[in-house]
Structures are given as C-alpha cells and as structure tokens.
Amino acid sequence: MKNFYRKFGNKHILEMIRKEIGLSWELKICRGKSIYSIYQSA
C-alpha cells in the first residue's frame, strides 16, 4: 500500500511538472520573441 501511494504521488508530481513545462512552452510559442527577450535580459 505504501509503495503504491509513493508511486502514485511521484506520478502525480511528474504530471504537474509536465503540465507546467507544457504551459510555459505554449506561452513561449505564442509570445515568441517578447518572452525570449525577457529570458535573455533576466
């Protein structure tokens, strides 16, 4: 039971991270250069 919960928890965290990356990636594609220049100046 403990192992199952741990696996599920890790899977959930990975899913969240993947969503975060996906969202920021979409933003980068959408806004393109403006976000790129913000990243550059940061």
Protein backbone atom coordinates (compact mmCIF):
# COMPACT_ATOMS: atom_id res chain seq x y z
CA MET A 1 0.00 0.00 0.00
CA LYS A 2 2.78 2.41 0.94
CA ASN A 3 4.69 1.71 -2.27
CA PHE A 4 1.54 2.19 -4.33
CA TYR A 5 0.93 5.57 -2.72
CA ARG A 6 4.53 6.62 -3.27
CA LYS A 7 4.37 5.63 -6.93
CA PHE A 8 1.08 7.44 -7.39
CA GLY A 9 2.44 10.54 -5.67
CA ASN A 10 5.54 10.61 -7.86
CA LYS A 11 3.41 10.10 -10.96
CA HIS A 12 1.17 13.00 -9.93
CA ILE A 13 4.15 15.28 -9.34
CA LEU A 14 5.65 14.36 -12.71
CA GLU A 15 2.29 15.09 -14.36
CA MET A 16 2.17 18.52 -12.70
CA ILE A 17 5.74 19.31 -13.80
CA ARG A 18 4.92 18.19 -17.32
CA LYS A 19 1.87 20.47 -17.35
CA GLU A 20 3.93 23.41 -16.09
CA ILE A 21 6.54 22.85 -18.80
CA GLY A 22 3.82 22.45 -21.42
CA LEU A 23 2.14 25.71 -20.39
CA SER A 24 5.35 27.73 -20.41
CA TRP A 25 6.26 26.16 -23.75
CA GLU A 26 2.89 27.22 -25.21
CA LEU A 27 3.43 30.73 -23.90
CA LYS A 28 6.87 30.85 -25.48
CA ILE A 29 5.45 29.78 -28.83
CA CYS A 30 2.56 32.23 -28.52
CA ARG A 31 4.54 35.28 -27.47
CA GLY A 32 7.71 34.17 -29.20
CA LYS A 33 10.30 36.91 -29.30
CA SER A 34 8.97 39.03 -26.42
CA ILE A 35 9.26 36.18 -23.92
CA TYR A 36 12.61 35.17 -25.43
CA SER A 37 13.99 38.67 -24.90
CA ILE A 38 12.68 38.66 -21.31
CA TYR A 39 14.54 35.38 -20.73
CA GLN A 40 17.66 36.90 -22.28
CA SER A 41 17.61 40.03 -20.12
CA ALA A 42 16.85 38.10 -16.92
